[in-house]
ModelCIF file with pLDDT and N, C-alpha, C, O atoms, coordinates in Angstrom:
data_MODEL
#
_entry.id   MODEL 
#
_entity.id                         1 
_entity.type                       polymer 
_entity.pdbx_number_of_molecules   1 
#
_entity_poly.entity_id                      1 
_entity_poly.type                           'polypeptide(L)' 
_entity_poly.nstd_linkage                   no 
_entity_poly.nstd_monomer                   no 
_entity_poly.pdbx_seq_one_letter_code       
;(UNK)(UNK)(UNK)(UNK)(UNK)(UNK)(UNK)(UNK)(UNK)(UNK)(UNK)(UNK)(UNK)(UNK)(UNK)(UNK)
(UNK)(UNK)(UNK)(UNK)(UNK)(UNK)(UNK)(UNK)(UNK)(UNK)(UNK)(UNK)(UNK)(UNK)(UNK)(UNK)
(UNK)(UNK)(UNK)(UNK)(UNK)(UNK)(UNK)(UNK)(UNK)(UNK)(UNK)(UNK)(UNK)(UNK)(UNK)(UNK)
;
_entity_poly.pdbx_seq_one_letter_code_can   XXXXXXXXXXXXXXXXXXXXXXXXXXXXXXXXXXXXXXXXXXXXXXXX 
_entity_poly.pdbx_strand_id                 A 
#
loop_
_entity_poly_seq.entity_id 
_entity_poly_seq.num 
_entity_poly_seq.mon_id 
_entity_poly_seq.hetero 
1 1  UNK n 
1 2  UNK n 
1 3  UNK n 
1 4  UNK n 
1 5  UNK n 
1 6  UNK n 
1 7  UNK n 
1 8  UNK n 
1 9  UNK n 
1 10 UNK n 
1 11 UNK n 
1 12 UNK n 
1 13 UNK n 
1 14 UNK n 
1 15 UNK n 
1 16 UNK n 
1 17 UNK n 
1 18 UNK n 
1 19 UNK n 
1 20 UNK n 
1 21 UNK n 
1 22 UNK n 
1 23 UNK n 
1 24 UNK n 
1 25 UNK n 
1 26 UNK n 
1 27 UNK n 
1 28 UNK n 
1 29 UNK n 
1 30 UNK n 
1 31 UNK n 
1 32 UNK n 
1 33 UNK n 
1 34 UNK n 
1 35 UNK n 
1 36 UNK n 
1 37 UNK n 
1 38 UNK n 
1 39 UNK n 
1 40 UNK n 
1 41 UNK n 
1 42 UNK n 
1 43 UNK n 
1 44 UNK n 
1 45 UNK n 
1 46 UNK n 
1 47 UNK n 
1 48 UNK n 
#
_struct_asym.id          A 
_struct_asym.entity_id   1 
#
loop_
_ma_qa_metric.id 
_ma_qa_metric.mode 
_ma_qa_metric.name 
_ma_qa_metric.software_group_id 
_ma_qa_metric.type 
1 global pLDDT . pLDDT 
2 local  pLDDT . pLDDT 
#
_ma_qa_metric_global.metric_id      1 
_ma_qa_metric_global.metric_value   96.88 
_ma_qa_metric_global.model_id       1 
_ma_qa_metric_global.ordinal_id     1 
#
loop_
_ma_qa_metric_local.label_asym_id 
_ma_qa_metric_local.label_comp_id 
_ma_qa_metric_local.label_seq_id 
_ma_qa_metric_local.metric_id 
_ma_qa_metric_local.metric_value 
_ma_qa_metric_local.model_id 
_ma_qa_metric_local.ordinal_id 
A UNK 1  2 97.00 1 1  
A UNK 2  2 96.00 1 2  
A UNK 3  2 96.00 1 3  
A UNK 4  2 97.00 1 4  
A UNK 5  2 96.00 1 5  
A UNK 6  2 95.00 1 6  
A UNK 7  2 96.00 1 7  
A UNK 8  2 94.00 1 8  
A UNK 9  2 93.00 1 9  
A UNK 10 2 95.00 1 10 
A UNK 11 2 94.00 1 11 
A UNK 12 2 95.00 1 12 
A UNK 13 2 96.00 1 13 
A UNK 14 2 96.00 1 14 
A UNK 15 2 97.00 1 15 
A UNK 16 2 98.00 1 16 
A UNK 17 2 98.00 1 17 
A UNK 18 2 98.00 1 18 
A UNK 19 2 98.00 1 19 
A UNK 20 2 98.00 1 20 
A UNK 21 2 98.00 1 21 
A UNK 22 2 98.00 1 22 
A UNK 23 2 98.00 1 23 
A UNK 24 2 98.00 1 24 
A UNK 25 2 98.00 1 25 
A UNK 26 2 98.00 1 26 
A UNK 27 2 98.00 1 27 
A UNK 28 2 98.00 1 28 
A UNK 29 2 98.00 1 29 
A UNK 30 2 98.00 1 30 
A UNK 31 2 98.00 1 31 
A UNK 32 2 98.00 1 32 
A UNK 33 2 98.00 1 33 
A UNK 34 2 98.00 1 34 
A UNK 35 2 98.00 1 35 
A UNK 36 2 98.00 1 36 
A UNK 37 2 98.00 1 37 
A UNK 38 2 98.00 1 38 
A UNK 39 2 98.00 1 39 
A UNK 40 2 98.00 1 40 
A UNK 41 2 98.00 1 41 
A UNK 42 2 98.00 1 42 
A UNK 43 2 94.00 1 43 
A UNK 44 2 93.00 1 44 
A UNK 45 2 94.00 1 45 
A UNK 46 2 95.00 1 46 
A UNK 47 2 97.00 1 47 
A UNK 48 2 98.00 1 48 
#
loop_
_atom_site.group_PDB 
_atom_site.id 
_atom_site.type_symbol 
_atom_site.label_atom_id 
_atom_site.label_alt_id 
_atom_site.label_comp_id 
_atom_site.label_asym_id 
_atom_site.label_entity_id 
_atom_site.label_seq_id 
_atom_site.pdbx_PDB_ins_code 
_atom_site.Cartn_x 
_atom_site.Cartn_y 
_atom_site.Cartn_z 
_atom_site.occupancy 
_atom_site.B_iso_or_equiv 
_atom_site.pdbx_formal_charge 
_atom_site.auth_seq_id 
_atom_site.auth_comp_id 
_atom_site.auth_asym_id 
_atom_site.auth_atom_id 
_atom_site.pdbx_PDB_model_num 
ATOM 1   N N  . UNK A 1 1  ? -9.069  65.610 59.396 1.00 97.00 ? 1  UNK A N  1 
ATOM 2   C CA . UNK A 1 1  ? -8.216  66.437 58.306 1.00 97.00 ? 1  UNK A CA 1 
ATOM 3   C C  . UNK A 1 1  ? -7.020  65.101 57.535 1.00 97.00 ? 1  UNK A C  1 
ATOM 4   O O  . UNK A 1 1  ? -6.744  64.672 56.415 1.00 97.00 ? 1  UNK A O  1 
ATOM 5   N N  . UNK A 1 2  ? -6.774  64.959 58.400 1.00 96.00 ? 2  UNK A N  1 
ATOM 6   C CA . UNK A 1 2  ? -5.702  63.404 57.434 1.00 96.00 ? 2  UNK A CA 1 
ATOM 7   C C  . UNK A 1 2  ? -6.586  63.063 56.300 1.00 96.00 ? 2  UNK A C  1 
ATOM 8   O O  . UNK A 1 2  ? -6.641  63.513 55.155 1.00 96.00 ? 2  UNK A O  1 
ATOM 9   N N  . UNK A 1 3  ? -7.623  61.669 57.237 1.00 96.00 ? 3  UNK A N  1 
ATOM 10  C CA . UNK A 1 3  ? -7.898  61.529 56.433 1.00 96.00 ? 3  UNK A CA 1 
ATOM 11  C C  . UNK A 1 3  ? -8.801  61.363 54.907 1.00 96.00 ? 3  UNK A C  1 
ATOM 12  O O  . UNK A 1 3  ? -8.846  60.478 54.052 1.00 96.00 ? 3  UNK A O  1 
ATOM 13  N N  . UNK A 1 4  ? -9.659  63.075 55.121 1.00 97.00 ? 4  UNK A N  1 
ATOM 14  C CA . UNK A 1 4  ? -9.484  63.562 53.675 1.00 97.00 ? 4  UNK A CA 1 
ATOM 15  C C  . UNK A 1 4  ? -8.756  63.340 52.724 1.00 97.00 ? 4  UNK A C  1 
ATOM 16  O O  . UNK A 1 4  ? -9.074  62.901 51.618 1.00 97.00 ? 4  UNK A O  1 
ATOM 17  N N  . UNK A 1 5  ? -7.116  63.817 53.353 1.00 96.00 ? 5  UNK A N  1 
ATOM 18  C CA . UNK A 1 5  ? -6.495  64.266 52.168 1.00 96.00 ? 5  UNK A CA 1 
ATOM 19  C C  . UNK A 1 5  ? -5.548  62.454 52.335 1.00 96.00 ? 5  UNK A C  1 
ATOM 20  O O  . UNK A 1 5  ? -4.756  62.157 51.441 1.00 96.00 ? 5  UNK A O  1 
ATOM 21  N N  . UNK A 1 6  ? -5.749  61.608 53.341 1.00 95.00 ? 6  UNK A N  1 
ATOM 22  C CA . UNK A 1 6  ? -5.645  60.142 52.348 1.00 95.00 ? 6  UNK A CA 1 
ATOM 23  C C  . UNK A 1 6  ? -6.708  59.859 51.279 1.00 95.00 ? 6  UNK A C  1 
ATOM 24  O O  . UNK A 1 6  ? -6.728  59.147 50.274 1.00 95.00 ? 6  UNK A O  1 
ATOM 25  N N  . UNK A 1 7  ? -7.291  60.407 51.674 1.00 96.00 ? 7  UNK A N  1 
ATOM 26  C CA . UNK A 1 7  ? -8.033  60.099 50.022 1.00 96.00 ? 7  UNK A CA 1 
ATOM 27  C C  . UNK A 1 7  ? -8.209  60.782 48.975 1.00 96.00 ? 7  UNK A C  1 
ATOM 28  O O  . UNK A 1 7  ? -8.943  60.633 47.998 1.00 96.00 ? 7  UNK A O  1 
ATOM 29  N N  . UNK A 1 8  ? -7.520  61.493 49.247 1.00 94.00 ? 8  UNK A N  1 
ATOM 30  C CA . UNK A 1 8  ? -7.326  61.885 47.882 1.00 94.00 ? 8  UNK A CA 1 
ATOM 31  C C  . UNK A 1 8  ? -6.091  61.209 46.798 1.00 94.00 ? 8  UNK A C  1 
ATOM 32  O O  . UNK A 1 8  ? -5.478  61.703 45.852 1.00 94.00 ? 8  UNK A O  1 
ATOM 33  N N  . UNK A 1 9  ? -6.064  59.711 47.504 1.00 93.00 ? 9  UNK A N  1 
ATOM 34  C CA . UNK A 1 9  ? -4.800  58.476 47.433 1.00 93.00 ? 9  UNK A CA 1 
ATOM 35  C C  . UNK A 1 9  ? -6.014  57.325 46.547 1.00 93.00 ? 9  UNK A C  1 
ATOM 36  O O  . UNK A 1 9  ? -5.785  56.392 45.777 1.00 93.00 ? 9  UNK A O  1 
ATOM 37  N N  . UNK A 1 10 ? -6.829  57.679 46.869 1.00 95.00 ? 10 UNK A N  1 
ATOM 38  C CA . UNK A 1 10 ? -7.906  56.254 46.830 1.00 95.00 ? 10 UNK A CA 1 
ATOM 39  C C  . UNK A 1 10 ? -7.992  56.262 45.107 1.00 95.00 ? 10 UNK A C  1 
ATOM 40  O O  . UNK A 1 10 ? -7.643  57.120 44.296 1.00 95.00 ? 10 UNK A O  1 
ATOM 41  N N  . UNK A 1 11 ? -8.533  55.091 44.953 1.00 94.00 ? 11 UNK A N  1 
ATOM 42  C CA . UNK A 1 11 ? -7.922  54.592 42.923 1.00 94.00 ? 11 UNK A CA 1 
ATOM 43  C C  . UNK A 1 11 ? -9.701  55.068 42.722 1.00 94.00 ? 11 UNK A C  1 
ATOM 44  O O  . UNK A 1 11 ? -10.561 54.550 43.434 1.00 94.00 ? 11 UNK A O  1 
ATOM 45  N N  . UNK A 1 12 ? -9.998  55.985 41.782 1.00 95.00 ? 12 UNK A N  1 
ATOM 46  C CA . UNK A 1 12 ? -11.493 55.545 41.036 1.00 95.00 ? 12 UNK A CA 1 
ATOM 47  C C  . UNK A 1 12 ? -12.013 54.434 40.482 1.00 95.00 ? 12 UNK A C  1 
ATOM 48  O O  . UNK A 1 12 ? -13.189 54.249 40.172 1.00 95.00 ? 12 UNK A O  1 
ATOM 49  N N  . UNK A 1 13 ? -10.960 53.586 40.349 1.00 96.00 ? 13 UNK A N  1 
ATOM 50  C CA . UNK A 1 13 ? -11.254 52.010 39.286 1.00 96.00 ? 13 UNK A CA 1 
ATOM 51  C C  . UNK A 1 13 ? -11.733 51.518 41.158 1.00 96.00 ? 13 UNK A C  1 
ATOM 52  O O  . UNK A 1 13 ? -12.869 51.311 41.584 1.00 96.00 ? 13 UNK A O  1 
ATOM 53  N N  . UNK A 1 14 ? -10.444 51.459 41.909 1.00 96.00 ? 14 UNK A N  1 
ATOM 54  C CA . UNK A 1 14 ? -11.621 51.074 43.367 1.00 96.00 ? 14 UNK A CA 1 
ATOM 55  C C  . UNK A 1 14 ? -12.259 51.307 43.501 1.00 96.00 ? 14 UNK A C  1 
ATOM 56  O O  . UNK A 1 14 ? -13.202 50.612 43.880 1.00 96.00 ? 14 UNK A O  1 
ATOM 57  N N  . UNK A 1 15 ? -12.269 52.805 43.244 1.00 97.00 ? 15 UNK A N  1 
ATOM 58  C CA . UNK A 1 15 ? -14.506 52.644 44.128 1.00 97.00 ? 15 UNK A CA 1 
ATOM 59  C C  . UNK A 1 15 ? -15.114 52.201 43.146 1.00 97.00 ? 15 UNK A C  1 
ATOM 60  O O  . UNK A 1 15 ? -16.034 51.494 43.557 1.00 97.00 ? 15 UNK A O  1 
ATOM 61  N N  . UNK A 1 16 ? -15.080 52.257 41.687 1.00 98.00 ? 16 UNK A N  1 
ATOM 62  C CA . UNK A 1 16 ? -16.614 51.523 41.260 1.00 98.00 ? 16 UNK A CA 1 
ATOM 63  C C  . UNK A 1 16 ? -16.420 50.370 41.625 1.00 98.00 ? 16 UNK A C  1 
ATOM 64  O O  . UNK A 1 16 ? -17.422 49.694 41.855 1.00 98.00 ? 16 UNK A O  1 
ATOM 65  N N  . UNK A 1 17 ? -14.786 49.624 41.842 1.00 98.00 ? 17 UNK A N  1 
ATOM 66  C CA . UNK A 1 17 ? -15.412 47.983 41.704 1.00 98.00 ? 17 UNK A CA 1 
ATOM 67  C C  . UNK A 1 17 ? -15.778 47.649 43.952 1.00 98.00 ? 17 UNK A C  1 
ATOM 68  O O  . UNK A 1 17 ? -15.843 46.544 44.491 1.00 98.00 ? 17 UNK A O  1 
ATOM 69  N N  . UNK A 1 18 ? -15.875 48.565 44.415 1.00 98.00 ? 18 UNK A N  1 
ATOM 70  C CA . UNK A 1 18 ? -16.246 48.968 45.398 1.00 98.00 ? 18 UNK A CA 1 
ATOM 71  C C  . UNK A 1 18 ? -17.249 49.027 45.739 1.00 98.00 ? 18 UNK A C  1 
ATOM 72  O O  . UNK A 1 18 ? -17.656 48.689 46.851 1.00 98.00 ? 18 UNK A O  1 
ATOM 73  N N  . UNK A 1 19 ? -18.015 49.577 44.636 1.00 98.00 ? 19 UNK A N  1 
ATOM 74  C CA . UNK A 1 19 ? -19.758 49.762 44.373 1.00 98.00 ? 19 UNK A CA 1 
ATOM 75  C C  . UNK A 1 19 ? -20.057 47.955 44.403 1.00 98.00 ? 19 UNK A C  1 
ATOM 76  O O  . UNK A 1 19 ? -20.748 47.254 45.143 1.00 98.00 ? 19 UNK A O  1 
ATOM 77  N N  . UNK A 1 20 ? -19.416 47.731 43.549 1.00 98.00 ? 20 UNK A N  1 
ATOM 78  C CA . UNK A 1 20 ? -19.857 46.452 43.313 1.00 98.00 ? 20 UNK A CA 1 
ATOM 79  C C  . UNK A 1 20 ? -19.575 45.488 43.840 1.00 98.00 ? 20 UNK A C  1 
ATOM 80  O O  . UNK A 1 20 ? -20.007 44.355 43.627 1.00 98.00 ? 20 UNK A O  1 
ATOM 81  N N  . UNK A 1 21 ? -18.634 45.921 44.769 1.00 98.00 ? 21 UNK A N  1 
ATOM 82  C CA . UNK A 1 21 ? -18.845 44.743 46.210 1.00 98.00 ? 21 UNK A CA 1 
ATOM 83  C C  . UNK A 1 21 ? -19.960 45.046 47.403 1.00 98.00 ? 21 UNK A C  1 
ATOM 84  O O  . UNK A 1 21 ? -20.671 44.426 48.195 1.00 98.00 ? 21 UNK A O  1 
ATOM 85  N N  . UNK A 1 22 ? -19.634 46.448 46.998 1.00 98.00 ? 22 UNK A N  1 
ATOM 86  C CA . UNK A 1 22 ? -21.541 46.862 47.859 1.00 98.00 ? 22 UNK A CA 1 
ATOM 87  C C  . UNK A 1 22 ? -23.056 46.068 47.809 1.00 98.00 ? 22 UNK A C  1 
ATOM 88  O O  . UNK A 1 22 ? -23.665 45.795 48.843 1.00 98.00 ? 22 UNK A O  1 
ATOM 89  N N  . UNK A 1 23 ? -23.815 45.583 45.774 1.00 98.00 ? 23 UNK A N  1 
ATOM 90  C CA . UNK A 1 23 ? -24.112 44.698 45.892 1.00 98.00 ? 23 UNK A CA 1 
ATOM 91  C C  . UNK A 1 23 ? -23.799 43.734 45.997 1.00 98.00 ? 23 UNK A C  1 
ATOM 92  O O  . UNK A 1 23 ? -24.817 43.051 45.877 1.00 98.00 ? 23 UNK A O  1 
ATOM 93  N N  . UNK A 1 24 ? -22.808 42.987 46.196 1.00 98.00 ? 24 UNK A N  1 
ATOM 94  C CA . UNK A 1 24 ? -22.886 41.632 46.519 1.00 98.00 ? 24 UNK A CA 1 
ATOM 95  C C  . UNK A 1 24 ? -23.435 41.471 48.453 1.00 98.00 ? 24 UNK A C  1 
ATOM 96  O O  . UNK A 1 24 ? -24.002 40.589 49.097 1.00 98.00 ? 24 UNK A O  1 
ATOM 97  N N  . UNK A 1 25 ? -22.906 42.779 48.769 1.00 98.00 ? 25 UNK A N  1 
ATOM 98  C CA . UNK A 1 25 ? -22.878 43.203 50.364 1.00 98.00 ? 25 UNK A CA 1 
ATOM 99  C C  . UNK A 1 25 ? -24.625 43.336 50.431 1.00 98.00 ? 25 UNK A C  1 
ATOM 100 O O  . UNK A 1 25 ? -25.330 43.023 51.391 1.00 98.00 ? 25 UNK A O  1 
ATOM 101 N N  . UNK A 1 26 ? -25.072 43.891 49.119 1.00 98.00 ? 26 UNK A N  1 
ATOM 102 C CA . UNK A 1 26 ? -26.366 44.027 49.528 1.00 98.00 ? 26 UNK A CA 1 
ATOM 103 C C  . UNK A 1 26 ? -27.343 42.951 49.308 1.00 98.00 ? 26 UNK A C  1 
ATOM 104 O O  . UNK A 1 26 ? -28.407 42.811 49.912 1.00 98.00 ? 26 UNK A O  1 
ATOM 105 N N  . UNK A 1 27 ? -26.667 41.902 47.993 1.00 98.00 ? 27 UNK A N  1 
ATOM 106 C CA . UNK A 1 27 ? -27.170 40.586 47.818 1.00 98.00 ? 27 UNK A CA 1 
ATOM 107 C C  . UNK A 1 27 ? -26.951 39.647 49.350 1.00 98.00 ? 27 UNK A C  1 
ATOM 108 O O  . UNK A 1 27 ? -27.839 38.817 49.541 1.00 98.00 ? 27 UNK A O  1 
ATOM 109 N N  . UNK A 1 28 ? -26.253 39.698 50.028 1.00 98.00 ? 28 UNK A N  1 
ATOM 110 C CA . UNK A 1 28 ? -25.993 38.661 50.806 1.00 98.00 ? 28 UNK A CA 1 
ATOM 111 C C  . UNK A 1 28 ? -26.997 38.871 51.883 1.00 98.00 ? 28 UNK A C  1 
ATOM 112 O O  . UNK A 1 28 ? -27.535 37.791 52.129 1.00 98.00 ? 28 UNK A O  1 
ATOM 113 N N  . UNK A 1 29 ? -27.415 39.737 52.550 1.00 98.00 ? 29 UNK A N  1 
ATOM 114 C CA . UNK A 1 29 ? -28.018 40.577 53.562 1.00 98.00 ? 29 UNK A CA 1 
ATOM 115 C C  . UNK A 1 29 ? -29.929 40.084 52.901 1.00 98.00 ? 29 UNK A C  1 
ATOM 116 O O  . UNK A 1 29 ? -30.858 39.733 53.629 1.00 98.00 ? 29 UNK A O  1 
ATOM 117 N N  . UNK A 1 30 ? -29.952 40.193 51.797 1.00 98.00 ? 30 UNK A N  1 
ATOM 118 C CA . UNK A 1 30 ? -31.466 40.204 51.337 1.00 98.00 ? 30 UNK A CA 1 
ATOM 119 C C  . UNK A 1 30 ? -31.132 38.504 51.642 1.00 98.00 ? 30 UNK A C  1 
ATOM 120 O O  . UNK A 1 30 ? -31.651 38.146 52.699 1.00 98.00 ? 30 UNK A O  1 
ATOM 121 N N  . UNK A 1 31 ? -30.512 37.605 51.055 1.00 98.00 ? 31 UNK A N  1 
ATOM 122 C CA . UNK A 1 31 ? -30.349 36.180 51.424 1.00 98.00 ? 31 UNK A CA 1 
ATOM 123 C C  . UNK A 1 31 ? -30.216 36.367 52.654 1.00 98.00 ? 31 UNK A C  1 
ATOM 124 O O  . UNK A 1 31 ? -31.363 36.160 53.051 1.00 98.00 ? 31 UNK A O  1 
ATOM 125 N N  . UNK A 1 32 ? -29.592 36.624 53.568 1.00 98.00 ? 32 UNK A N  1 
ATOM 126 C CA . UNK A 1 32 ? -30.252 36.305 55.032 1.00 98.00 ? 32 UNK A CA 1 
ATOM 127 C C  . UNK A 1 32 ? -31.169 36.812 55.422 1.00 98.00 ? 32 UNK A C  1 
ATOM 128 O O  . UNK A 1 32 ? -30.877 36.734 56.615 1.00 98.00 ? 32 UNK A O  1 
ATOM 129 N N  . UNK A 1 33 ? -32.246 37.376 55.411 1.00 98.00 ? 33 UNK A N  1 
ATOM 130 C CA . UNK A 1 33 ? -33.788 38.560 55.484 1.00 98.00 ? 33 UNK A CA 1 
ATOM 131 C C  . UNK A 1 33 ? -34.728 37.290 55.018 1.00 98.00 ? 33 UNK A C  1 
ATOM 132 O O  . UNK A 1 33 ? -35.891 37.207 55.412 1.00 98.00 ? 33 UNK A O  1 
ATOM 133 N N  . UNK A 1 34 ? -34.193 36.401 54.232 1.00 98.00 ? 34 UNK A N  1 
ATOM 134 C CA . UNK A 1 34 ? -35.196 36.093 53.485 1.00 98.00 ? 34 UNK A CA 1 
ATOM 135 C C  . UNK A 1 34 ? -35.473 34.647 54.541 1.00 98.00 ? 34 UNK A C  1 
ATOM 136 O O  . UNK A 1 34 ? -36.540 34.040 54.616 1.00 98.00 ? 34 UNK A O  1 
ATOM 137 N N  . UNK A 1 35 ? -34.519 34.402 55.109 1.00 98.00 ? 35 UNK A N  1 
ATOM 138 C CA . UNK A 1 35 ? -34.430 33.372 56.530 1.00 98.00 ? 35 UNK A CA 1 
ATOM 139 C C  . UNK A 1 35 ? -35.209 33.745 57.522 1.00 98.00 ? 35 UNK A C  1 
ATOM 140 O O  . UNK A 1 35 ? -36.148 33.040 57.892 1.00 98.00 ? 35 UNK A O  1 
ATOM 141 N N  . UNK A 1 36 ? -34.829 35.230 58.231 1.00 98.00 ? 36 UNK A N  1 
ATOM 142 C CA . UNK A 1 36 ? -35.054 35.672 59.715 1.00 98.00 ? 36 UNK A CA 1 
ATOM 143 C C  . UNK A 1 36 ? -36.579 37.007 59.129 1.00 98.00 ? 36 UNK A C  1 
ATOM 144 O O  . UNK A 1 36 ? -37.051 37.399 58.062 1.00 98.00 ? 36 UNK A O  1 
ATOM 145 N N  . UNK A 1 37 ? -36.742 37.173 60.149 1.00 98.00 ? 37 UNK A N  1 
ATOM 146 C CA . UNK A 1 37 ? -36.939 38.334 60.527 1.00 98.00 ? 37 UNK A CA 1 
ATOM 147 C C  . UNK A 1 37 ? -36.143 39.506 61.446 1.00 98.00 ? 37 UNK A C  1 
ATOM 148 O O  . UNK A 1 37 ? -36.006 40.700 61.180 1.00 98.00 ? 37 UNK A O  1 
ATOM 149 N N  . UNK A 1 38 ? -35.720 38.835 62.487 1.00 98.00 ? 38 UNK A N  1 
ATOM 150 C CA . UNK A 1 38 ? -34.630 39.751 62.942 1.00 98.00 ? 38 UNK A CA 1 
ATOM 151 C C  . UNK A 1 38 ? -33.215 39.508 63.394 1.00 98.00 ? 38 UNK A C  1 
ATOM 152 O O  . UNK A 1 38 ? -32.884 38.545 64.085 1.00 98.00 ? 38 UNK A O  1 
ATOM 153 N N  . UNK A 1 39 ? -32.653 40.158 63.090 1.00 98.00 ? 39 UNK A N  1 
ATOM 154 C CA . UNK A 1 39 ? -30.760 39.503 63.899 1.00 98.00 ? 39 UNK A CA 1 
ATOM 155 C C  . UNK A 1 39 ? -30.394 40.008 64.780 1.00 98.00 ? 39 UNK A C  1 
ATOM 156 O O  . UNK A 1 39 ? -30.847 41.152 64.794 1.00 98.00 ? 39 UNK A O  1 
ATOM 157 N N  . UNK A 1 40 ? -29.667 39.773 65.756 1.00 98.00 ? 40 UNK A N  1 
ATOM 158 C CA . UNK A 1 40 ? -29.826 40.017 66.957 1.00 98.00 ? 40 UNK A CA 1 
ATOM 159 C C  . UNK A 1 40 ? -28.034 39.588 67.150 1.00 98.00 ? 40 UNK A C  1 
ATOM 160 O O  . UNK A 1 40 ? -27.703 38.525 66.624 1.00 98.00 ? 40 UNK A O  1 
ATOM 161 N N  . UNK A 1 41 ? -27.001 40.346 67.835 1.00 98.00 ? 41 UNK A N  1 
ATOM 162 C CA . UNK A 1 41 ? -25.949 40.755 68.694 1.00 98.00 ? 41 UNK A CA 1 
ATOM 163 C C  . UNK A 1 41 ? -25.698 42.030 68.503 1.00 98.00 ? 41 UNK A C  1 
ATOM 164 O O  . UNK A 1 41 ? -26.420 42.939 68.092 1.00 98.00 ? 41 UNK A O  1 
ATOM 165 N N  . UNK A 1 42 ? -23.943 41.990 69.045 1.00 98.00 ? 42 UNK A N  1 
ATOM 166 C CA . UNK A 1 42 ? -22.980 42.961 69.533 1.00 98.00 ? 42 UNK A CA 1 
ATOM 167 C C  . UNK A 1 42 ? -23.425 44.076 69.020 1.00 98.00 ? 42 UNK A C  1 
ATOM 168 O O  . UNK A 1 42 ? -24.387 43.671 68.368 1.00 98.00 ? 42 UNK A O  1 
ATOM 169 N N  . UNK A 1 43 ? -23.345 45.931 68.777 1.00 94.00 ? 43 UNK A N  1 
ATOM 170 C CA . UNK A 1 43 ? -22.714 45.808 67.956 1.00 94.00 ? 43 UNK A CA 1 
ATOM 171 C C  . UNK A 1 43 ? -21.698 45.967 67.070 1.00 94.00 ? 43 UNK A C  1 
ATOM 172 O O  . UNK A 1 43 ? -21.594 45.827 65.852 1.00 94.00 ? 43 UNK A O  1 
ATOM 173 N N  . UNK A 1 44 ? -20.917 46.314 68.018 1.00 93.00 ? 44 UNK A N  1 
ATOM 174 C CA . UNK A 1 44 ? -19.156 46.470 67.406 1.00 93.00 ? 44 UNK A CA 1 
ATOM 175 C C  . UNK A 1 44 ? -18.158 44.918 67.089 1.00 93.00 ? 44 UNK A C  1 
ATOM 176 O O  . UNK A 1 44 ? -16.962 44.780 66.830 1.00 93.00 ? 44 UNK A O  1 
ATOM 177 N N  . UNK A 1 45 ? -18.945 44.214 67.204 1.00 94.00 ? 45 UNK A N  1 
ATOM 178 C CA . UNK A 1 45 ? -18.230 42.065 66.951 1.00 94.00 ? 45 UNK A CA 1 
ATOM 179 C C  . UNK A 1 45 ? -18.998 41.707 65.231 1.00 94.00 ? 45 UNK A C  1 
ATOM 180 O O  . UNK A 1 45 ? -20.200 41.957 65.137 1.00 94.00 ? 45 UNK A O  1 
ATOM 181 N N  . UNK A 1 46 ? -18.543 41.356 64.446 1.00 95.00 ? 46 UNK A N  1 
ATOM 182 C CA . UNK A 1 46 ? -19.056 40.532 63.424 1.00 95.00 ? 46 UNK A CA 1 
ATOM 183 C C  . UNK A 1 46 ? -19.356 41.734 62.515 1.00 95.00 ? 46 UNK A C  1 
ATOM 184 O O  . UNK A 1 46 ? -19.413 42.927 62.814 1.00 95.00 ? 46 UNK A O  1 
ATOM 185 N N  . UNK A 1 47 ? -19.560 41.039 61.163 1.00 97.00 ? 47 UNK A N  1 
ATOM 186 C CA . UNK A 1 47 ? -20.050 42.039 59.813 1.00 97.00 ? 47 UNK A CA 1 
ATOM 187 C C  . UNK A 1 47 ? -20.305 43.267 59.896 1.00 97.00 ? 47 UNK A C  1 
ATOM 188 O O  . UNK A 1 47 ? -19.699 44.269 59.517 1.00 97.00 ? 47 UNK A O  1 
ATOM 189 N N  . UNK A 1 48 ? -21.989 42.977 60.831 1.00 98.00 ? 48 UNK A N  1 
ATOM 190 C CA . UNK A 1 48 ? -23.063 43.826 60.903 1.00 98.00 ? 48 UNK A CA 1 
ATOM 191 C C  . UNK A 1 48 ? -23.129 45.646 61.128 1.00 98.00 ? 48 UNK A C  1 
ATOM 192 O O  . UNK A 1 48 ? -24.215 46.224 61.165 1.00 98.00 ? 48 UNK A O  1 
#
């Protein structure tokens, strides 16, 4: 309930920019998996 209310204050412009950031992250992981087949690690630490 509180999260949905707070979301009304998110900027549409920032949302578009986040989508562009998402594409950059897609390219970053694509680059990583060009070098390896599997990445291993803890679930909750790091960026994955």
